[in-house]
Amino acid sequence: MHPHTPETLILQLCHGLLYPWTLYLTKTINIVPPLLLLWTYLHHRRTAYVLMAALLTSHATTTLLKLTLNEPRPSTLHLVTPLAPVDHPRWSLPSGHTAQAFALATAYHLQRRGHLSPLLWTWATLIGATRILLGVHWPHDVLAGALVGIGAALFTHRTSKLWTRLLATLDPLARKTTRTA
């Protein structure tokens, strides 16, 4: 990236805004998905299966793209200092946090269209914003992550019967009960 592109200027201008709150918010990616999976598993098991499939599909796609594209993070080019830990200096595109958040929000919306949908969409958008504010991703990484997450959720939604059958077969509790609501 050239130091004077609009994307670089955006990154540098908003770097560190609302820190440390952005760091706390970005860490919710480790809390929200397991909690939502547990809640949906207890109340709507089929939904939980599709959410799990969307998260797995998103993660696999993100990992494959990161390995293939090998794009450097902004901090690797010494444009900003990262304000959050990074897993690899050249795995910037797409943002995995953003992909996971959008996969969860989209899959939930497609399956339930419940009162949580607007909250999950807002959360996913904020997760993406934190990745830029913390200086660990470019804006286009976040956009790509959102597209990967949405795409993974659409794919798993369209193939939800397959995922439900597969995961119900692997689920030890589903074998003991007939309820998979």
C-alpha atoms as a PDB file:
ATOM      1  CA  MET A   1       0.000   0.000   0.000  1.00  0.00           C
ATOM      2  CA  HIS A   2       1.200   3.473  -0.824  1.00  0.00           C
ATOM      3  CA  PRO A   3       1.310   5.750   2.233  1.00  0.00           C
ATOM      4  CA  HIS A   4      -1.007   8.317   0.623  1.00  0.00           C
ATOM      5  CA  THR A   5      -3.892   6.174  -0.589  1.00  0.00           C
ATOM      6  CA  PRO A   6      -7.340   6.973   0.818  1.00  0.00           C
ATOM      7  CA  GLU A   7      -7.380   3.600   2.578  1.00  0.00           C
ATOM      8  CA  THR A   8      -4.066   4.281   4.316  1.00  0.00           C
ATOM      9  CA  LEU A   9      -5.194   7.760   5.344  1.00  0.00           C
ATOM     10  CA  ILE A  10      -8.435   6.349   6.800  1.00  0.00           C
ATOM     11  CA  LEU A  11      -6.449   3.734   8.688  1.00  0.00           C
ATOM     12  CA  GLN A  12      -4.040   6.296  10.116  1.00  0.00           C
ATOM     13  CA  LEU A  13      -6.703   8.885  10.972  1.00  0.00           C
ATOM     14  CA  CYS A  14      -8.871   6.490  12.967  1.00  0.00           C
ATOM     15  CA  HIS A  15      -6.050   4.440  14.484  1.00  0.00           C
ATOM     16  CA  GLY A  16      -6.513   4.065  18.222  1.00  0.00           C
ATOM     17  CA  LEU A  17      -9.909   5.782  18.438  1.00  0.00           C
ATOM     18  CA  LEU A  18     -11.882   4.636  21.490  1.00  0.00           C
ATOM     19  CA  TYR A  19      -9.015   2.477  22.710  1.00  0.00           C
ATOM     20  CA  PRO A  20      -9.160   0.358  24.961  1.00  0.00           C
ATOM     21  CA  TRP A  21     -12.920  -0.082  24.374  1.00  0.00           C
ATOM     22  CA  THR A  22     -12.286  -1.283  20.844  1.00  0.00           C
ATOM     23  CA  LEU A  23      -9.948  -3.950  22.214  1.00  0.00           C
ATOM     24  CA  TYR A  24     -12.622  -5.148  24.658  1.00  0.00           C
ATOM     25  CA  LEU A  25     -15.228  -5.203  21.904  1.00  0.00           C
ATOM     26  CA  THR A  26     -13.037  -7.120  19.449  1.00  0.00           C
ATOM     27  CA  LYS A  27     -12.498  -9.797  22.111  1.00  0.00           C
ATOM     28  CA  THR A  28     -16.238 -10.491  22.230  1.00  0.00           C
ATOM     29  CA  ILE A  29     -15.642 -12.630  19.117  1.00  0.00           C
ATOM     30  CA  ASN A  30     -14.512 -15.273  21.623  1.00  0.00           C
ATOM     31  CA  ILE A  31     -17.655 -14.931  23.759  1.00  0.00           C
ATOM     32  CA  VAL A  32     -20.686 -14.187  21.582  1.00  0.00           C
ATOM     33  CA  PRO A  33     -20.493 -17.176  19.168  1.00  0.00           C
ATOM     34  CA  PRO A  34     -20.194 -19.860  21.882  1.00  0.00           C
ATOM     35  CA  LEU A  35     -22.988 -18.271  23.931  1.00  0.00           C
ATOM     36  CA  LEU A  36     -25.303 -17.977  20.939  1.00  0.00           C
ATOM     37  CA  LEU A  37     -24.484 -21.528  19.861  1.00  0.00           C
ATOM     38  CA  LEU A  38     -25.289 -22.826  23.338  1.00  0.00           C
ATOM     39  CA  TRP A  39     -28.543 -20.866  23.538  1.00  0.00           C
ATOM     40  CA  THR A  40     -29.700 -21.980  20.093  1.00  0.00           C
ATOM     41  CA  TYR A  41     -28.627 -25.558  20.793  1.00  0.00           C
ATOM     42  CA  LEU A  42     -30.834 -25.611  23.873  1.00  0.00           C
ATOM     43  CA  HIS A  43     -33.816 -23.956  22.157  1.00  0.00           C
ATOM     44  CA  HIS A  44     -33.520 -24.553  18.388  1.00  0.00           C
ATOM     45  CA  ARG A  45     -31.064 -27.358  17.747  1.00  0.00           C
ATOM     46  CA  ARG A  46     -31.361 -27.181  13.944  1.00  0.00           C
ATOM     47  CA  THR A  47     -30.479 -23.508  14.059  1.00  0.00           C
ATOM     48  CA  ALA A  48     -27.419 -24.318  16.155  1.00  0.00           C
ATOM     49  CA  TYR A  49     -26.297 -26.846  13.556  1.00  0.00           C
ATOM     50  CA  VAL A  50     -26.565 -24.271  10.766  1.00  0.00           C
ATOM     51  CA  LEU A  51     -24.804 -21.604  12.845  1.00  0.00           C
ATOM     52  CA  MET A  52     -21.968 -24.047  13.542  1.00  0.00           C
ATOM     53  CA  ALA A  53     -21.736 -24.938   9.857  1.00  0.00           C
ATOM     54  CA  ALA A  54     -21.651 -21.249   8.883  1.00  0.00           C
ATOM     55  CA  LEU A  55     -18.856 -20.555  11.371  1.00  0.00           C
ATOM     56  CA  LEU A  56     -16.859 -23.578  10.181  1.00  0.00           C
ATOM     57  CA  THR A  57     -17.353 -22.689   6.513  1.00  0.00           C
ATOM     58  CA  SER A  58     -16.371 -19.084   7.173  1.00  0.00           C
ATOM     59  CA  HIS A  59     -13.267 -20.136   9.100  1.00  0.00           C
ATOM     60  CA  ALA A  60     -12.160 -22.592   6.413  1.00  0.00           C
ATOM     61  CA  THR A  61     -12.688 -20.037   3.640  1.00  0.00           C
ATOM     62  CA  THR A  62     -10.884 -17.301   5.548  1.00  0.00           C
ATOM     63  CA  THR A  63      -7.924 -19.562   6.304  1.00  0.00           C
ATOM     64  CA  LEU A  64      -7.644 -20.668   2.686  1.00  0.00           C
ATOM     65  CA  LEU A  65      -7.748 -17.069   1.446  1.00  0.00           C
ATOM     66  CA  LYS A  66      -5.197 -15.865   4.004  1.00  0.00           C
ATOM     67  CA  LEU A  67      -2.783 -18.647   3.020  1.00  0.00           C
ATOM     68  CA  THR A  68      -3.312 -17.996  -0.680  1.00  0.00           C
ATOM     69  CA  LEU A  69      -3.229 -14.189  -0.701  1.00  0.00           C
ATOM     70  CA  ASN A  70      -0.588 -13.677   2.003  1.00  0.00           C
ATOM     71  CA  GLU A  71      -1.317  -9.937   2.255  1.00  0.00           C
ATOM     72  CA  PRO A  72       0.708  -7.943   4.809  1.00  0.00           C
ATOM     73  CA  ARG A  73      -0.998  -6.269   7.731  1.00  0.00           C
ATOM     74  CA  PRO A  74      -0.731  -2.475   8.086  1.00  0.00           C
ATOM     75  CA  SER A  75       1.737  -2.872  10.959  1.00  0.00           C
ATOM     76  CA  THR A  76       4.017  -5.029   8.794  1.00  0.00           C
ATOM     77  CA  LEU A  77       4.431  -1.995   6.531  1.00  0.00           C
ATOM     78  CA  HIS A  78       5.068   0.186   9.626  1.00  0.00           C
ATOM     79  CA  LEU A  79       2.071   2.411   8.897  1.00  0.00           C
ATOM     80  CA  VAL A  80       0.492   1.913  12.342  1.00  0.00           C
ATOM     81  CA  THR A  81       1.267   0.059  15.540  1.00  0.00           C
ATOM     82  CA  PRO A  82      -1.090  -2.868  16.154  1.00  0.00           C
ATOM     83  CA  LEU A  83      -3.179  -2.359  19.287  1.00  0.00           C
ATOM     84  CA  ALA A  84      -4.301  -6.001  19.404  1.00  0.00           C
ATOM     85  CA  PRO A  85      -2.406  -9.266  19.011  1.00  0.00           C
ATOM     86  CA  VAL A  86      -2.130 -10.637  15.473  1.00  0.00           C
ATOM     87  CA  ASP A  87      -1.757 -14.282  14.521  1.00  0.00           C
ATOM     88  CA  HIS A  88       0.493 -13.748  11.503  1.00  0.00           C
ATOM     89  CA  PRO A  89       2.032 -10.580  10.001  1.00  0.00           C
ATOM     90  CA  ARG A  90       0.998 -11.519   6.454  1.00  0.00           C
ATOM     91  CA  TRP A  91      -2.522 -12.852   7.024  1.00  0.00           C
ATOM     92  CA  SER A  92      -4.462  -9.657   6.614  1.00  0.00           C
ATOM     93  CA  LEU A  93      -6.962 -10.458   3.861  1.00  0.00           C
ATOM     94  CA  PRO A  94      -9.744 -11.210   4.772  1.00  0.00           C
ATOM     95  CA  SER A  95     -10.451 -10.299   8.382  1.00  0.00           C
ATOM     96  CA  GLY A  96     -11.263 -13.524  10.228  1.00  0.00           C
ATOM     97  CA  HIS A  97     -12.946 -11.742  13.137  1.00  0.00           C
ATOM     98  CA  THR A  98     -15.239  -9.901  10.729  1.00  0.00           C
ATOM     99  CA  ALA A  99     -15.971 -13.041   8.713  1.00  0.00           C
ATOM    100  CA  GLN A 100     -16.945 -14.979  11.846  1.00  0.00           C
ATOM    101  CA  ALA A 101     -19.142 -12.152  13.150  1.00  0.00           C
ATOM    102  CA  PHE A 102     -20.981 -11.712   9.845  1.00  0.00           C
ATOM    103  CA  ALA A 103     -21.340 -15.473   9.376  1.00  0.00           C
ATOM    104  CA  LEU A 104     -23.010 -15.706  12.772  1.00  0.00           C
ATOM    105  CA  ALA A 105     -25.259 -12.665  12.267  1.00  0.00           C
ATOM    106  CA  THR A 106     -26.321 -13.696   8.772  1.00  0.00           C
ATOM    107  CA  ALA A 107     -26.893 -17.350   9.620  1.00  0.00           C
ATOM    108  CA  TYR A 108     -28.970 -16.448  12.662  1.00  0.00           C
ATOM    109  CA  HIS A 109     -31.024 -13.970  10.664  1.00  0.00           C
ATOM    110  CA  LEU A 110     -31.660 -16.446   7.859  1.00  0.00           C
ATOM    111  CA  GLN A 111     -32.649 -19.214  10.268  1.00  0.00           C
ATOM    112  CA  ARG A 112     -34.637 -17.356  12.953  1.00  0.00           C
ATOM    113  CA  ARG A 113     -35.229 -13.718  11.921  1.00  0.00           C
ATOM    114  CA  GLY A 114     -35.644 -13.065  15.622  1.00  0.00           C
ATOM    115  CA  HIS A 115     -35.225 -10.094  17.874  1.00  0.00           C
ATOM    116  CA  LEU A 116     -31.480 -10.814  18.092  1.00  0.00           C
ATOM    117  CA  SER A 117     -30.899 -10.192  14.377  1.00  0.00           C
ATOM    118  CA  PRO A 118     -30.471  -6.388  14.573  1.00  0.00           C
ATOM    119  CA  LEU A 119     -28.206  -6.758  17.613  1.00  0.00           C
ATOM    120  CA  LEU A 120     -26.044  -9.341  15.843  1.00  0.00           C
ATOM    121  CA  TRP A 121     -25.793  -7.229  12.672  1.00  0.00           C
ATOM    122  CA  THR A 122     -24.739  -4.213  14.769  1.00  0.00           C
ATOM    123  CA  TRP A 123     -22.228  -6.323  16.694  1.00  0.00           C
ATOM    124  CA  ALA A 124     -20.761  -7.744  13.469  1.00  0.00           C
ATOM    125  CA  THR A 125     -20.368  -4.244  12.017  1.00  0.00           C
ATOM    126  CA  LEU A 126     -18.668  -3.038  15.191  1.00  0.00           C
ATOM    127  CA  ILE A 127     -16.317  -6.043  15.182  1.00  0.00           C
ATOM    128  CA  GLY A 128     -15.254  -5.089  11.671  1.00  0.00           C
ATOM    129  CA  ALA A 129     -14.726  -1.459  12.680  1.00  0.00           C
ATOM    130  CA  THR A 130     -12.585  -2.450  15.664  1.00  0.00           C
ATOM    131  CA  ARG A 131     -10.197  -4.353  13.399  1.00  0.00           C
ATOM    132  CA  ILE A 132      -9.461  -1.125  11.515  1.00  0.00           C
ATOM    133  CA  LEU A 133      -9.354   1.083  14.623  1.00  0.00           C
ATOM    134  CA  LEU A 134      -6.890  -1.315  16.267  1.00  0.00           C
ATOM    135  CA  GLY A 135      -4.635  -1.152  13.207  1.00  0.00           C
ATOM    136  CA  VAL A 136      -4.621  -4.890  12.514  1.00  0.00           C
ATOM    137  CA  HIS A 137      -6.578  -4.824   9.230  1.00  0.00           C
ATOM    138  CA  TRP A 138      -7.060  -2.654   6.185  1.00  0.00           C
ATOM    139  CA  PRO A 139     -10.598  -1.436   5.439  1.00  0.00           C
ATOM    140  CA  HIS A 140     -10.739  -3.738   2.388  1.00  0.00           C
ATOM    141  CA  ASP A 141      -9.837  -6.714   4.640  1.00  0.00           C
ATOM    142  CA  VAL A 142     -12.913  -5.968   6.744  1.00  0.00           C
ATOM    143  CA  LEU A 143     -15.151  -5.634   3.697  1.00  0.00           C
ATOM    144  CA  ALA A 144     -13.804  -8.932   2.336  1.00  0.00           C
ATOM    145  CA  GLY A 145     -14.336 -10.576   5.735  1.00  0.00           C
ATOM    146  CA  ALA A 146     -17.957  -9.409   5.810  1.00  0.00           C
ATOM    147  CA  LEU A 147     -18.513 -10.832   2.313  1.00  0.00           C
ATOM    148  CA  VAL A 148     -16.905 -14.154   3.265  1.00  0.00           C
ATOM    149  CA  GLY A 149     -19.075 -14.410   6.389  1.00  0.00           C
ATOM    150  CA  ILE A 150     -22.275 -13.522   4.546  1.00  0.00           C
ATOM    151  CA  GLY A 151     -21.391 -15.931   1.737  1.00  0.00           C
ATOM    152  CA  ALA A 152     -20.667 -18.757   4.184  1.00  0.00           C
ATOM    153  CA  ALA A 153     -24.009 -18.174   5.917  1.00  0.00           C
ATOM    154  CA  LEU A 154     -25.918 -18.092   2.620  1.00  0.00           C
ATOM    155  CA  PHE A 155     -24.234 -21.326   1.539  1.00  0.00           C
ATOM    156  CA  THR A 156     -25.013 -23.127   4.792  1.00  0.00           C
ATOM    157  CA  HIS A 157     -28.579 -21.795   4.810  1.00  0.00           C
ATOM    158  CA  ARG A 158     -29.213 -23.138   1.297  1.00  0.00           C
ATOM    159  CA  THR A 159     -27.729 -26.497   2.313  1.00  0.00           C
ATOM    160  CA  SER A 160     -29.179 -26.519   5.840  1.00  0.00           C
ATOM    161  CA  LYS A 161     -30.884 -29.917   5.507  1.00  0.00           C
ATOM    162  CA  LEU A 162     -27.539 -31.513   4.715  1.00  0.00           C
ATOM    163  CA  TRP A 163     -25.833 -29.813   7.699  1.00  0.00           C
ATOM    164  CA  THR A 164     -28.701 -30.709  10.014  1.00  0.00           C
ATOM    165  CA  ARG A 165     -28.538 -34.381   9.037  1.00  0.00           C
ATOM    166  CA  LEU A 166     -24.735 -34.488   9.263  1.00  0.00           C
ATOM    167  CA  LEU A 167     -24.417 -32.690  12.586  1.00  0.00           C
ATOM    168  CA  ALA A 168     -27.382 -34.508  14.121  1.00  0.00           C
ATOM    169  CA  THR A 169     -25.615 -37.763  13.254  1.00  0.00           C
ATOM    170  CA  LEU A 170     -22.457 -36.554  15.005  1.00  0.00           C
ATOM    171  CA  ASP A 171     -24.297 -35.058  17.996  1.00  0.00           C
ATOM    172  CA  PRO A 172     -24.334 -37.547  20.903  1.00  0.00           C
ATOM    173  CA  LEU A 173     -27.320 -35.789  22.515  1.00  0.00           C
ATOM    174  CA  ALA A 174     -29.374 -35.878  19.320  1.00  0.00           C
ATOM    175  CA  ARG A 175     -29.025 -39.652  19.246  1.00  0.00           C
ATOM    176  CA  LYS A 176     -30.485 -39.900  22.769  1.00  0.00           C
ATOM    177  CA  THR A 177     -33.444 -37.615  22.141  1.00  0.00           C
ATOM    178  CA  THR A 178     -35.800 -37.181  19.253  1.00  0.00           C
ATOM    179  CA  ARG A 179     -36.171 -33.432  19.824  1.00  0.00           C
ATOM    180  CA  THR A 180     -34.115 -31.454  17.292  1.00  0.00           C
ATOM    181  CA  ALA A 181     -36.320 -28.380  17.192  1.00  0.00           C
END
